[in-house]
PDB file of N, CA and C in Angstrom:
ATOM      1  N   MET A   1       0.831  -1.218   0.026  1.00  0.00           N
ATOM      2  CA  MET A   1      -0.018  -0.039   0.020  1.00  0.00           C
ATOM      3  C   MET A   1       0.839   1.261  -0.006  1.00  0.00           C
ATOM      4  N   LYS A   2       1.987   1.221   0.749  1.00  0.00           N
ATOM      5  CA  LYS A   2       2.904   2.398   0.779  1.00  0.00           C
ATOM      6  C   LYS A   2       3.461   2.723  -0.609  1.00  0.00           C
ATOM      7  N   GLN A   3       3.777   1.655  -1.358  1.00  0.00           N
ATOM      8  CA  GLN A   3       4.344   1.761  -2.716  1.00  0.00           C
ATOM      9  C   GLN A   3       3.294   2.464  -3.670  1.00  0.00           C
ATOM     10  N   PHE A   4       2.021   2.086  -3.457  1.00  0.00           N
ATOM     11  CA  PHE A   4       0.949   2.644  -4.228  1.00  0.00           C
ATOM     12  C   PHE A   4       0.762   4.189  -3.859  1.00  0.00           C
ATOM     13  N   THR A   5       0.824   4.545  -2.630  1.00  0.00           N
ATOM     14  CA  THR A   5       0.694   5.911  -2.117  1.00  0.00           C
ATOM     15  C   THR A   5       1.841   6.747  -2.638  1.00  0.00           C
ATOM     16  N   ASN A   6       3.047   6.144  -2.622  1.00  0.00           N
ATOM     17  CA  ASN A   6       4.199   6.922  -3.144  1.00  0.00           C
ATOM     18  C   ASN A   6       4.138   7.242  -4.592  1.00  0.00           C
ATOM     19  N   ILE A   7       3.649   6.211  -5.408  1.00  0.00           N
ATOM     20  CA  ILE A   7       3.447   6.423  -6.831  1.00  0.00           C
ATOM     21  C   ILE A   7       2.371   7.460  -7.052  1.00  0.00           C
ATOM     22  N   LEU A   8       1.297   7.367  -6.297  1.00  0.00           N
ATOM     23  CA  LEU A   8       0.221   8.382  -6.492  1.00  0.00           C
ATOM     24  C   LEU A   8       0.634   9.767  -6.128  1.00  0.00           C
ATOM     25  N   LEU A   9       1.407   9.935  -5.036  1.00  0.00           N
ATOM     26  CA  LEU A   9       1.974  11.232  -4.712  1.00  0.00           C
ATOM     27  C   LEU A   9       2.920  11.795  -5.735  1.00  0.00           C
ATOM     28  N   ILE A  10       3.762  10.855  -6.400  1.00  0.00           N
ATOM     29  CA  ILE A  10       4.654  11.292  -7.397  1.00  0.00           C
ATOM     30  C   ILE A  10       3.890  11.789  -8.584  1.00  0.00           C
ATOM     31  N   ILE A  11       2.852  11.101  -8.958  1.00  0.00           N
ATOM     32  CA  ILE A  11       2.008  11.541 -10.093  1.00  0.00           C
ATOM     33  C   ILE A  11       1.345  12.810  -9.882  1.00  0.00           C
ATOM     34  N   ILE A  12       0.718  12.983  -8.709  1.00  0.00           N
ATOM     35  CA  ILE A  12       0.122  14.275  -8.311  1.00  0.00           C
ATOM     36  C   ILE A  12       1.128  15.388  -8.319  1.00  0.00           C
ATOM     37  N   GLY A  13       2.258  15.150  -7.687  1.00  0.00           N
ATOM     38  CA  GLY A  13       3.351  16.144  -7.623  1.00  0.00           C
ATOM     39  C   GLY A  13       3.814  16.544  -9.086  1.00  0.00           C
ATOM     40  N   THR A  14       3.943  15.598  -9.940  1.00  0.00           N
ATOM     41  CA  THR A  14       4.398  15.884 -11.281  1.00  0.00           C
ATOM     42  C   THR A  14       3.382  16.714 -12.057  1.00  0.00           C
ATOM     43  N   ILE A  15       2.181  16.319 -11.909  1.00  0.00           N
ATOM     44  CA  ILE A  15       1.059  17.116 -12.552  1.00  0.00           C
ATOM     45  C   ILE A  15       1.105  18.588 -11.975  1.00  0.00           C
ATOM     46  N   SER A  16       1.212  18.643 -10.715  1.00  0.00           N
ATOM     47  CA  SER A  16       1.247  20.031 -10.043  1.00  0.00           C
ATOM     48  C   SER A  16       2.464  20.819 -10.580  1.00  0.00           C
ATOM     49  N   LEU A  17       3.611  20.067 -10.691  1.00  0.00           N
ATOM     50  CA  LEU A  17       4.846  20.710 -11.233  1.00  0.00           C
ATOM     51  C   LEU A  17       4.606  21.298 -12.676  1.00  0.00           C
ATOM     52  N   ILE A  18       3.981  20.431 -13.405  1.00  0.00           N
ATOM     53  CA  ILE A  18       3.660  20.879 -14.876  1.00  0.00           C
ATOM     54  C   ILE A  18       2.798  22.082 -14.812  1.00  0.00           C
ATOM     55  N   LEU A  19       1.752  22.101 -13.931  1.00  0.00           N
ATOM     56  CA  LEU A  19       0.882  23.273 -13.871  1.00  0.00           C
ATOM     57  C   LEU A  19       1.663  24.550 -13.333  1.00  0.00           C
ATOM     58  N   GLY A  20       2.549  24.314 -12.435  1.00  0.00           N
ATOM     59  CA  GLY A  20       3.321  25.382 -11.882  1.00  0.00           C
ATOM     60  C   GLY A  20       4.293  25.922 -12.969  1.00  0.00           C
ATOM     61  N   VAL A  21       4.885  25.121 -13.788  1.00  0.00           N
ATOM     62  CA  VAL A  21       5.729  25.577 -14.857  1.00  0.00           C
ATOM     63  C   VAL A  21       4.878  26.393 -15.864  1.00  0.00           C
ATOM     64  N   LEU A  22       3.733  25.917 -16.214  1.00  0.00           N
ATOM     65  CA  LEU A  22       2.805  26.690 -17.085  1.00  0.00           C
ATOM     66  C   LEU A  22       2.438  28.040 -16.434  1.00  0.00           C
ATOM     67  N   GLY A  23       2.294  28.056 -15.144  1.00  0.00           N
ATOM     68  CA  GLY A  23       1.987  29.303 -14.430  1.00  0.00           C
ATOM     69  C   GLY A  23       3.073  30.336 -14.507  1.00  0.00           C
ATOM     70  N   ILE A  24       4.275  29.961 -14.819  1.00  0.00           N
ATOM     71  CA  ILE A  24       5.396  30.893 -15.000  1.00  0.00           C
ATOM     72  C   ILE A  24       5.078  31.793 -16.279  1.00  0.00           C
ATOM     73  N   VAL A  25       4.537  31.201 -17.293  1.00  0.00           N
ATOM     74  CA  VAL A  25       4.335  31.901 -18.555  1.00  0.00           C
ATOM     75  C   VAL A  25       2.890  32.312 -18.769  1.00  0.00           C
ATOM     76  N   LEU A  26       1.951  31.707 -18.164  1.00  0.00           N
ATOM     77  CA  LEU A  26       0.478  31.995 -18.305  1.00  0.00           C
ATOM     78  C   LEU A  26       0.080  32.867 -17.155  1.00  0.00           C
ATOM     79  N   PRO A  27      -0.473  34.047 -17.439  1.00  0.00           N
ATOM     80  CA  PRO A  27      -0.740  35.043 -16.380  1.00  0.00           C
ATOM     81  C   PRO A  27      -1.796  34.630 -15.394  1.00  0.00           C
ATOM     82  N   LEU A  28      -2.760  33.758 -15.739  1.00  0.00           N
ATOM     83  CA  LEU A  28      -3.821  33.419 -14.793  1.00  0.00           C
ATOM     84  C   LEU A  28      -3.648  32.106 -14.026  1.00  0.00           C
ATOM     85  N   LEU A  29      -2.535  31.451 -14.336  1.00  0.00           N
ATOM     86  CA  LEU A  29      -2.181  30.189 -13.636  1.00  0.00           C
ATOM     87  C   LEU A  29      -1.124  30.471 -12.591  1.00  0.00           C
ATOM     88  N   PRO A  30      -1.403  30.226 -11.300  1.00  0.00           N
ATOM     89  CA  PRO A  30      -0.455  30.494 -10.289  1.00  0.00           C
ATOM     90  C   PRO A  30       0.760  29.526 -10.240  1.00  0.00           C
ATOM     91  N   THR A  31       1.907  29.972  -9.899  1.00  0.00           N
ATOM     92  CA  THR A  31       3.039  29.104  -9.837  1.00  0.00           C
ATOM     93  C   THR A  31       3.318  28.570  -8.464  1.00  0.00           C
ATOM     94  N   THR A  32       3.381  29.478  -7.496  1.00  0.00           N
ATOM     95  CA  THR A  32       3.770  29.109  -6.142  1.00  0.00           C
ATOM     96  C   THR A  32       2.981  28.052  -5.552  1.00  0.00           C
ATOM     97  N   PRO A  33       1.623  28.202  -5.508  1.00  0.00           N
ATOM     98  CA  PRO A  33       0.818  27.138  -4.909  1.00  0.00           C
ATOM     99  C   PRO A  33       1.052  25.783  -5.518  1.00  0.00           C
ATOM    100  N   PHE A  34       1.182  25.731  -6.812  1.00  0.00           N
ATOM    101  CA  PHE A  34       1.448  24.409  -7.495  1.00  0.00           C
ATOM    102  C   PHE A  34       2.760  23.867  -7.063  1.00  0.00           C
ATOM    103  N   LEU A  35       3.799  24.761  -6.973  1.00  0.00           N
ATOM    104  CA  LEU A  35       5.100  24.238  -6.614  1.00  0.00           C
ATOM    105  C   LEU A  35       5.148  23.822  -5.077  1.00  0.00           C
ATOM    106  N   LEU A  36       4.384  24.513  -4.271  1.00  0.00           N
ATOM    107  CA  LEU A  36       4.256  24.093  -2.918  1.00  0.00           C
ATOM    108  C   LEU A  36       3.565  22.633  -2.784  1.00  0.00           C
ATOM    109  N   LEU A  37       2.591  22.519  -3.604  1.00  0.00           N
ATOM    110  CA  LEU A  37       1.913  21.182  -3.678  1.00  0.00           C
ATOM    111  C   LEU A  37       2.886  20.086  -4.126  1.00  0.00           C
ATOM    112  N   THR A  38       3.606  20.452  -5.181  1.00  0.00           N
ATOM    113  CA  THR A  38       4.651  19.535  -5.662  1.00  0.00           C
ATOM    114  C   THR A  38       5.706  19.130  -4.599  1.00  0.00           C
ATOM    115  N   ALA A  39       6.112  20.134  -3.839  1.00  0.00           N
ATOM    116  CA  ALA A  39       7.093  19.866  -2.740  1.00  0.00           C
ATOM    117  C   ALA A  39       6.458  19.020  -1.641  1.00  0.00           C
ATOM    118  N   ALA A  40       5.222  19.256  -1.393  1.00  0.00           N
ATOM    119  CA  ALA A  40       4.526  18.470  -0.284  1.00  0.00           C
ATOM    120  C   ALA A  40       4.412  16.988  -0.725  1.00  0.00           C
ATOM    121  N   CYS A  41       4.107  16.756  -2.001  1.00  0.00           N
ATOM    122  CA  CYS A  41       3.983  15.444  -2.552  1.00  0.00           C
ATOM    123  C   CYS A  41       5.351  14.699  -2.577  1.00  0.00           C
ATOM    124  N   TYR A  42       6.355  15.410  -3.142  1.00  0.00           N
ATOM    125  CA  TYR A  42       7.629  14.857  -3.245  1.00  0.00           C
ATOM    126  C   TYR A  42       8.279  14.530  -1.927  1.00  0.00           C
ATOM    127  N   VAL A  43       8.151  15.393  -0.926  1.00  0.00           N
ATOM    128  CA  VAL A  43       8.806  15.162   0.372  1.00  0.00           C
ATOM    129  C   VAL A  43       8.235  13.920   1.098  1.00  0.00           C
ATOM    130  N   ARG A  44       7.019  13.564   0.722  1.00  0.00           N
ATOM    131  CA  ARG A  44       6.384  12.422   1.319  1.00  0.00           C
ATOM    132  C   ARG A  44       6.582  11.107   0.519  1.00  0.00           C
ATOM    133  N   SER A  45       7.147  11.289  -0.699  1.00  0.00           N
ATOM    134  CA  SER A  45       7.186  10.129  -1.564  1.00  0.00           C
ATOM    135  C   SER A  45       8.599   9.817  -2.162  1.00  0.00           C
ATOM    136  N   SER A  46       9.465  10.844  -2.337  1.00  0.00           N
ATOM    137  CA  SER A  46      10.742  10.558  -2.974  1.00  0.00           C
ATOM    138  C   SER A  46      11.772  11.658  -2.569  1.00  0.00           C
ATOM    139  N   ASP A  47      12.688  11.242  -1.775  1.00  0.00           N
ATOM    140  CA  ASP A  47      13.807  12.107  -1.376  1.00  0.00           C
ATOM    141  C   ASP A  47      14.504  12.718  -2.592  1.00  0.00           C
ATOM    142  N   ARG A  48      14.722  11.885  -3.540  1.00  0.00           N
ATOM    143  CA  ARG A  48      15.458  12.237  -4.799  1.00  0.00           C
ATOM    144  C   ARG A  48      14.769  13.380  -5.521  1.00  0.00           C
ATOM    145  N   LEU A  49      13.476  13.209  -5.712  1.00  0.00           N
ATOM    146  CA  LEU A  49      12.718  14.219  -6.452  1.00  0.00           C
ATOM    147  C   LEU A  49      12.512  15.560  -5.619  1.00  0.00           C
ATOM    148  N   TYR A  50      12.377  15.394  -4.261  1.00  0.00           N
ATOM    149  CA  TYR A  50      12.353  16.527  -3.479  1.00  0.00           C
ATOM    150  C   TYR A  50      13.638  17.348  -3.467  1.00  0.00           C
ATOM    151  N   ASN A  51      14.700  16.646  -3.300  1.00  0.00           N
ATOM    152  CA  ASN A  51      16.028  17.352  -3.406  1.00  0.00           C
ATOM    153  C   ASN A  51      16.237  18.033  -4.754  1.00  0.00           C
ATOM    154  N   TRP A  52      15.845  17.368  -5.805  1.00  0.00           N
ATOM    155  CA  TRP A  52      15.939  17.926  -7.206  1.00  0.00           C
ATOM    156  C   TRP A  52      15.139  19.210  -7.266  1.00  0.00           C
ATOM    157  N   LEU A  53      13.907  19.188  -6.759  1.00  0.00           N
ATOM    158  CA  LEU A  53      12.943  20.349  -6.701  1.00  0.00           C
ATOM    159  C   LEU A  53      13.548  21.536  -5.991  1.00  0.00           C
ATOM    160  N   MET A  54      14.027  21.133  -4.830  1.00  0.00           N
ATOM    161  CA  MET A  54      14.572  22.300  -3.899  1.00  0.00           C
ATOM    162  C   MET A  54      15.846  22.904  -4.374  1.00  0.00           C
ATOM    163  N   THR A  55      16.643  22.142  -5.169  1.00  0.00           N
ATOM    164  CA  THR A  55      17.878  22.720  -5.620  1.00  0.00           C
ATOM    165  C   THR A  55      17.797  23.174  -7.060  1.00  0.00           C
ATOM    166  N   ASN A  56      16.587  23.016  -7.603  1.00  0.00           N
ATOM    167  CA  ASN A  56      16.451  23.547  -9.070  1.00  0.00           C
ATOM    168  C   ASN A  56      16.510  25.040  -9.095  1.00  0.00           C
ATOM    169  N   LYS A  57      17.270  25.555 -10.066  1.00  0.00           N
ATOM    170  CA  LYS A  57      17.533  26.940 -10.178  1.00  0.00           C
ATOM    171  C   LYS A  57      16.241  27.769 -10.517  1.00  0.00           C
ATOM    172  N   TRP A  58      15.305  27.162 -11.144  1.00  0.00           N
ATOM    173  CA  TRP A  58      14.021  27.886 -11.470  1.00  0.00           C
ATOM    174  C   TRP A  58      12.952  27.738 -10.369  1.00  0.00           C
ATOM    175  N   PHE A  59      12.812  26.521  -9.767  1.00  0.00           N
ATOM    176  CA  PHE A  59      11.616  26.275  -8.893  1.00  0.00           C
ATOM    177  C   PHE A  59      12.016  26.462  -7.397  1.00  0.00           C
ATOM    178  N   GLY A  60      13.281  26.188  -7.085  1.00  0.00           N
ATOM    179  CA  GLY A  60      13.638  26.123  -5.673  1.00  0.00           C
ATOM    180  C   GLY A  60      13.421  27.496  -5.006  1.00  0.00           C
ATOM    181  N   SER A  61      13.610  28.644  -5.749  1.00  0.00           N
ATOM    182  CA  SER A  61      13.462  29.917  -5.132  1.00  0.00           C
ATOM    183  C   SER A  61      12.000  30.219  -4.721  1.00  0.00           C
ATOM    184  N   TYR A  62      11.045  29.803  -5.489  1.00  0.00           N
ATOM    185  CA  TYR A  62       9.655  29.976  -5.129  1.00  0.00           C
ATOM    186  C   TYR A  62       9.331  29.321  -3.825  1.00  0.00           C
ATOM    187  N   ILE A  63       9.808  28.089  -3.652  1.00  0.00           N
ATOM    188  CA  ILE A  63       9.474  27.353  -2.406  1.00  0.00           C
ATOM    189  C   ILE A  63      10.270  27.868  -1.268  1.00  0.00           C
ATOM    190  N   GLU A  64      11.522  28.225  -1.470  1.00  0.00           N
ATOM    191  CA  GLU A  64      12.405  28.723  -0.409  1.00  0.00           C
ATOM    192  C   GLU A  64      11.931  30.035   0.087  1.00  0.00           C
ATOM    193  N   ASN A  65      11.403  30.950  -0.823  1.00  0.00           N
ATOM    194  CA  ASN A  65      10.887  32.190  -0.363  1.00  0.00           C
ATOM    195  C   ASN A  65       9.723  32.050   0.562  1.00  0.00           C
ATOM    196  N   TYR A  66       8.854  31.107   0.206  1.00  0.00           N
ATOM    197  CA  TYR A  66       7.646  30.887   0.981  1.00  0.00           C
ATOM    198  C   TYR A  66       8.096  30.241   2.371  1.00  0.00           C
ATOM    199  N   LYS A  67       8.895  29.189   2.344  1.00  0.00           N
ATOM    200  CA  LYS A  67       9.370  28.553   3.520  1.00  0.00           C
ATOM    201  C   LYS A  67      10.168  29.482   4.501  1.00  0.00           C
ATOM    202  N   ALA A  68      10.853  30.364   3.920  1.00  0.00           N
ATOM    203  CA  ALA A  68      11.663  31.361   4.684  1.00  0.00           C
ATOM    204  C   ALA A  68      10.840  32.527   5.279  1.00  0.00           C
ATOM    205  N   GLY A  69       9.564  32.539   4.948  1.00  0.00           N
ATOM    206  CA  GLY A  69       8.632  33.607   5.400  1.00  0.00           C
ATOM    207  C   GLY A  69       8.710  34.874   4.613  1.00  0.00           C
ATOM    208  N   ARG A  70       9.323  34.862   3.389  1.00  0.00           N
ATOM    209  CA  ARG A  70       9.424  36.044   2.609  1.00  0.00           C
ATOM    210  C   ARG A  70       8.102  36.240   1.873  1.00  0.00           C
ATOM    211  N   GLY A  71       7.309  35.235   1.694  1.00  0.00           N
ATOM    212  CA  GLY A  71       6.016  35.310   1.123  1.00  0.00           C
ATOM    213  C   GLY A  71       5.861  34.821  -0.307  1.00  0.00           C
ATOM    214  N   ILE A  72       4.740  35.097  -0.896  1.00  0.00           N
ATOM    215  CA  ILE A  72       4.383  34.710  -2.289  1.00  0.00           C
ATOM    216  C   ILE A  72       4.312  35.985  -3.141  1.00  0.00           C
ATOM    217  N   PRO A  73       4.854  35.836  -4.365  1.00  0.00           N
ATOM    218  CA  PRO A  73       4.778  37.021  -5.234  1.00  0.00           C
ATOM    219  C   PRO A  73       3.372  37.570  -5.486  1.00  0.00           C
ATOM    220  N   LEU A  74       3.270  38.805  -5.622  1.00  0.00           N
ATOM    221  CA  LEU A  74       1.927  39.458  -5.836  1.00  0.00           C
ATOM    222  C   LEU A  74       1.228  38.815  -7.116  1.00  0.00           C
ATOM    223  N   LYS A  75       1.997  38.579  -8.152  1.00  0.00           N
ATOM    224  CA  LYS A  75       1.462  37.941  -9.327  1.00  0.00           C
ATOM    225  C   LYS A  75       0.694  36.672  -9.023  1.00  0.00           C
ATOM    226  N   ALA A  76       1.439  35.840  -8.167  1.00  0.00           N
ATOM    227  CA  ALA A  76       0.724  34.582  -7.791  1.00  0.00           C
ATOM    228  C   ALA A  76      -0.500  34.779  -6.953  1.00  0.00           C
ATOM    229  N   LYS A  77      -0.499  35.696  -6.075  1.00  0.00           N
ATOM    230  CA  LYS A  77      -1.666  36.023  -5.256  1.00  0.00           C
ATOM    231  C   LYS A  77      -2.814  36.406  -6.086  1.00  0.00           C
ATOM    232  N   VAL A  78      -2.602  37.328  -7.091  1.00  0.00           N
ATOM    233  CA  VAL A  78      -3.666  37.808  -7.934  1.00  0.00           C
ATOM    234  C   VAL A  78      -4.186  36.622  -8.760  1.00  0.00           C
ATOM    235  N   SER A  79      -3.269  35.818  -9.292  1.00  0.00           N
ATOM    236  CA  SER A  79      -3.688  34.731 -10.170  1.00  0.00           C
ATOM    237  C   SER A  79      -4.522  33.732  -9.354  1.00  0.00           C
ATOM    238  N   VAL A  80      -4.179  33.397  -8.157  1.00  0.00           N
ATOM    239  CA  VAL A  80      -4.884  32.458  -7.356  1.00  0.00           C
ATOM    240  C   VAL A  80      -6.274  33.025  -7.029  1.00  0.00           C
ATOM    241  N   LEU A  81      -6.339  34.364  -6.646  1.00  0.00           N
ATOM    242  CA  LEU A  81      -7.621  34.908  -6.376  1.00  0.00           C
ATOM    243  C   LEU A  81      -8.572  34.887  -7.567  1.00  0.00           C
ATOM    244  N   ILE A  82      -8.012  35.239  -8.697  1.00  0.00           N
ATOM    245  CA  ILE A  82      -8.824  35.161  -9.961  1.00  0.00           C
ATOM    246  C   ILE A  82      -9.392  33.734 -10.209  1.00  0.00           C
ATOM    247  N   MET A  83      -8.450  32.783 -10.077  1.00  0.00           N
ATOM    248  CA  MET A  83      -8.894  31.354 -10.266  1.00  0.00           C
ATOM    249  C   MET A  83      -9.951  31.013  -9.250  1.00  0.00           C
ATOM    250  N   ILE A  84      -9.667  31.261  -8.020  1.00  0.00           N
ATOM    251  CA  ILE A  84     -10.650  30.834  -6.954  1.00  0.00           C
ATOM    252  C   ILE A  84     -11.991  31.515  -7.157  1.00  0.00           C
ATOM    253  N   TRP A  85     -12.014  32.829  -7.367  1.00  0.00           N
ATOM    254  CA  TRP A  85     -13.307  33.476  -7.477  1.00  0.00           C
ATOM    255  C   TRP A  85     -14.052  33.065  -8.801  1.00  0.00           C
ATOM    256  N   SER A  86     -13.317  32.895  -9.832  1.00  0.00           N
ATOM    257  CA  SER A  86     -14.074  32.520 -11.094  1.00  0.00           C
ATOM    258  C   SER A  86     -14.551  31.081 -10.982  1.00  0.00           C
ATOM    259  N   SER A  87     -13.783  30.143 -10.430  1.00  0.00           N
ATOM    260  CA  SER A  87     -14.303  28.797 -10.277  1.00  0.00           C
ATOM    261  C   SER A  87     -15.418  28.697  -9.297  1.00  0.00           C
ATOM    262  N   MET A  88     -15.239  29.396  -8.148  1.00  0.00           N
ATOM    263  CA  MET A  88     -16.324  29.364  -7.110  1.00  0.00           C
ATOM    264  C   MET A  88     -17.647  30.010  -7.635  1.00  0.00           C
ATOM    265  N   LEU A  89     -17.502  31.128  -8.204  1.00  0.00           N
ATOM    266  CA  LEU A  89     -18.756  31.752  -8.773  1.00  0.00           C
ATOM    267  C   LEU A  89     -19.416  30.963  -9.784  1.00  0.00           C
ATOM    268  N   TYR A  90     -18.578  30.397 -10.642  1.00  0.00           N
ATOM    269  CA  TYR A  90     -19.183  29.525 -11.757  1.00  0.00           C
ATOM    270  C   TYR A  90     -19.873  28.326 -11.100  1.00  0.00           C
ATOM    271  N   SER A  91     -19.165  27.731 -10.180  1.00  0.00           N
ATOM    272  CA  SER A  91     -19.796  26.588  -9.439  1.00  0.00           C
ATOM    273  C   SER A  91     -21.078  26.902  -8.662  1.00  0.00           C
ATOM    274  N   ALA A  92     -21.064  28.101  -8.041  1.00  0.00           N
ATOM    275  CA  ALA A  92     -22.199  28.502  -7.257  1.00  0.00           C
ATOM    276  C   ALA A  92     -23.410  28.831  -8.119  1.00  0.00           C
ATOM    277  N   PHE A  93     -23.220  29.449  -9.291  1.00  0.00           N
ATOM    278  CA  PHE A  93     -24.349  29.890 -10.026  1.00  0.00           C
ATOM    279  C   PHE A  93     -24.713  28.927 -11.200  1.00  0.00           C
ATOM    280  N   PHE A  94     -23.842  28.062 -11.642  1.00  0.00           N
ATOM    281  CA  PHE A  94     -24.159  27.147 -12.702  1.00  0.00           C
ATOM    282  C   PHE A  94     -24.159  25.675 -12.407  1.00  0.00           C
ATOM    283  N   ILE A  95     -23.566  25.320 -11.290  1.00  0.00           N
ATOM    284  CA  ILE A  95     -23.413  23.874 -10.974  1.00  0.00           C
ATOM    285  C   ILE A  95     -24.183  23.553  -9.668  1.00  0.00           C
ATOM    286  N   ALA A  96     -24.081  24.347  -8.661  1.00  0.00           N
ATOM    287  CA  ALA A  96     -24.748  23.990  -7.361  1.00  0.00           C
ATOM    288  C   ALA A  96     -26.237  23.953  -7.516  1.00  0.00           C
ATOM    289  N   PRO A  97     -26.883  22.809  -7.077  1.00  0.00           N
ATOM    290  CA  PRO A  97     -28.307  22.588  -7.226  1.00  0.00           C
ATOM    291  C   PRO A  97     -29.124  23.286  -6.165  1.00  0.00           C
ATOM    292  N   ASN A  98     -28.610  23.769  -5.075  1.00  0.00           N
ATOM    293  CA  ASN A  98     -29.366  24.353  -4.096  1.00  0.00           C
ATOM    294  C   ASN A  98     -28.660  25.549  -3.393  1.00  0.00           C
ATOM    295  N   LEU A  99     -29.426  26.386  -2.699  1.00  0.00           N
ATOM    296  CA  LEU A  99     -28.916  27.570  -2.084  1.00  0.00           C
ATOM    297  C   LEU A  99     -27.797  27.319  -1.068  1.00  0.00           C
ATOM    298  N   LEU A 100     -27.917  26.271  -0.345  1.00  0.00           N
ATOM    299  CA  LEU A 100     -26.929  25.916   0.696  1.00  0.00           C
ATOM    300  C   LEU A 100     -25.485  25.674   0.048  1.00  0.00           C
ATOM    301  N   LEU A 101     -25.491  24.933  -1.005  1.00  0.00           N
ATOM    302  CA  LEU A 101     -24.203  24.747  -1.763  1.00  0.00           C
ATOM    303  C   LEU A 101     -23.723  26.028  -2.336  1.00  0.00           C
ATOM    304  N   ARG A 102     -24.611  26.909  -2.864  1.00  0.00           N
ATOM    305  CA  ARG A 102     -24.183  28.186  -3.338  1.00  0.00           C
ATOM    306  C   ARG A 102     -23.496  29.032  -2.261  1.00  0.00           C
ATOM    307  N   ILE A 103     -24.116  29.103  -1.088  1.00  0.00           N
ATOM    308  CA  ILE A 103     -23.545  29.778   0.047  1.00  0.00           C
ATOM    309  C   ILE A 103     -22.200  29.253   0.443  1.00  0.00           C
ATOM    310  N   GLY A 104     -22.103  27.934   0.352  1.00  0.00           N
ATOM    311  CA  GLY A 104     -20.821  27.275   0.671  1.00  0.00           C
ATOM    312  C   GLY A 104     -19.678  27.617  -0.219  1.00  0.00           C
ATOM    313  N   PHE A 105     -19.985  27.674  -1.517  1.00  0.00           N
ATOM    314  CA  PHE A 105     -18.978  28.086  -2.533  1.00  0.00           C
ATOM    315  C   PHE A 105     -18.572  29.520  -2.247  1.00  0.00           C
ATOM    316  N   ILE A 106     -19.571  30.430  -2.049  1.00  0.00           N
ATOM    317  CA  ILE A 106     -19.120  31.761  -1.744  1.00  0.00           C
ATOM    318  C   ILE A 106     -18.328  31.927  -0.522  1.00  0.00           C
ATOM    319  N   PHE A 107     -18.795  31.208   0.592  1.00  0.00           N
ATOM    320  CA  PHE A 107     -18.008  31.203   1.843  1.00  0.00           C
ATOM    321  C   PHE A 107     -16.569  30.772   1.594  1.00  0.00           C
ATOM    322  N   GLY A 108     -16.455  29.656   0.873  1.00  0.00           N
ATOM    323  CA  GLY A 108     -15.106  29.090   0.547  1.00  0.00           C
ATOM    324  C   GLY A 108     -14.235  30.108  -0.171  1.00  0.00           C
ATOM    325  N   ALA A 109     -14.759  30.780  -1.136  1.00  0.00           N
ATOM    326  CA  ALA A 109     -13.962  31.823  -1.858  1.00  0.00           C
ATOM    327  C   ALA A 109     -13.594  32.967  -0.891  1.00  0.00           C
ATOM    328  N   CYS A 110     -14.562  33.276  -0.015  1.00  0.00           N
ATOM    329  CA  CYS A 110     -14.193  34.426   0.940  1.00  0.00           C
ATOM    330  C   CYS A 110     -13.089  33.871   1.938  1.00  0.00           C
ATOM    331  N   PHE A 111     -13.198  32.656   2.383  1.00  0.00           N
ATOM    332  CA  PHE A 111     -12.245  32.095   3.325  1.00  0.00           C
ATOM    333  C   PHE A 111     -10.835  32.070   2.671  1.00  0.00           C
ATOM    334  N   PHE A 112     -10.761  31.563   1.454  1.00  0.00           N
ATOM    335  CA  PHE A 112      -9.422  31.525   0.818  1.00  0.00           C
ATOM    336  C   PHE A 112      -8.882  32.856   0.392  1.00  0.00           C
ATOM    337  N   THR A 113      -9.766  33.777   0.175  1.00  0.00           N
ATOM    338  CA  THR A 113      -9.320  35.229  -0.097  1.00  0.00           C
ATOM    339  C   THR A 113      -8.663  35.749   1.200  1.00  0.00           C
ATOM    340  N   VAL A 114      -9.216  35.512   2.329  1.00  0.00           N
ATOM    341  CA  VAL A 114      -8.666  35.973   3.581  1.00  0.00           C
ATOM    342  C   VAL A 114      -7.298  35.278   3.831  1.00  0.00           C
ATOM    343  N   VAL A 115      -7.254  33.985   3.625  1.00  0.00           N
ATOM    344  CA  VAL A 115      -5.994  33.298   3.898  1.00  0.00           C
ATOM    345  C   VAL A 115      -4.902  33.781   2.960  1.00  0.00           C
ATOM    346  N   ILE A 116      -5.227  33.972   1.682  1.00  0.00           N
ATOM    347  CA  ILE A 116      -4.159  34.540   0.762  1.00  0.00           C
ATOM    348  C   ILE A 116      -3.839  36.018   1.125  1.00  0.00           C
ATOM    349  N   GLY A 117      -4.846  36.740   1.484  1.00  0.00           N
ATOM    350  CA  GLY A 117      -4.599  38.150   1.908  1.00  0.00           C
ATOM    351  C   GLY A 117      -3.730  38.252   3.135  1.00  0.00           C
ATOM    352  N   LEU A 118      -3.830  37.276   4.037  1.00  0.00           N
ATOM    353  CA  LEU A 118      -2.965  37.301   5.254  1.00  0.00           C
ATOM    354  C   LEU A 118      -1.507  36.711   4.998  1.00  0.00           C
ATOM    355  N   THR A 119      -1.325  36.043   3.859  1.00  0.00           N
ATOM    356  CA  THR A 119      -0.006  35.566   3.506  1.00  0.00           C
ATOM    357  C   THR A 119       0.824  36.773   3.107  1.00  0.00           C
ATOM    358  N   LYS A 120       2.063  36.724   3.554  1.00  0.00           N
ATOM    359  CA  LYS A 120       2.915  37.852   3.238  1.00  0.00           C
ATOM    360  C   LYS A 120       3.168  37.844   1.771  1.00  0.00           C
ATOM    361  N   THR A 121       3.323  39.077   1.199  1.00  0.00           N
ATOM    362  CA  THR A 121       3.671  39.306  -0.215  1.00  0.00           C
ATOM    363  C   THR A 121       5.152  39.513  -0.342  1.00  0.00           C
ATOM    364  N   LEU A 122       5.703  38.791  -1.285  1.00  0.00           N
ATOM    365  CA  LEU A 122       7.140  38.788  -1.612  1.00  0.00           C
ATOM    366  C   LEU A 122       7.393  40.154  -2.427  1.00  0.00           C
ATOM    367  N   ARG A 123       8.226  40.925  -1.880  1.00  0.00           N
ATOM    368  CA  ARG A 123       8.628  42.240  -2.490  1.00  0.00           C
ATOM    369  C   ARG A 123       9.856  42.058  -3.260  1.00  0.00           C
ATOM    370  N   LYS A 124       9.987  42.551  -4.443  1.00  0.00           N
ATOM    371  CA  LYS A 124      11.212  42.501  -5.220  1.00  0.00           C
ATOM    372  C   LYS A 124      12.213  43.517  -4.586  1.00  0.00           C
ATOM    373  N   GLU A 125      13.485  43.002  -4.466  1.00  0.00           N
ATOM    374  CA  GLU A 125      14.520  43.872  -3.776  1.00  0.00           C
ATOM    375  C   GLU A 125      15.306  44.678  -4.877  1.00  0.00           C
TER     376      GLU A 125
END
């Protein structure tokens, strides 16, 4: 079972890494959250992949800045908020079959907005 879990975490981490890489060039796709998810998956499944990610000259800095408390880039925050609100509003008004679920989607968007807002913003030096 542990082998299956490791393989699943590696697959999820790799998909997240691909999305994070796309987020570097696509303005509405966030980079940092996907790279943090990748790091979380890799640290639990593969020391080799985690070490590669953390020492990578392109990806390591995103994760290190967050871990060191320097924050998340403003571009990533804006991208995440746009994605959260667009997906939650779409789900609330076009997918949710009842009022309770609609309220839940809106509450979820508000909650994550507060969490992201409270996260420190990385300032360029």
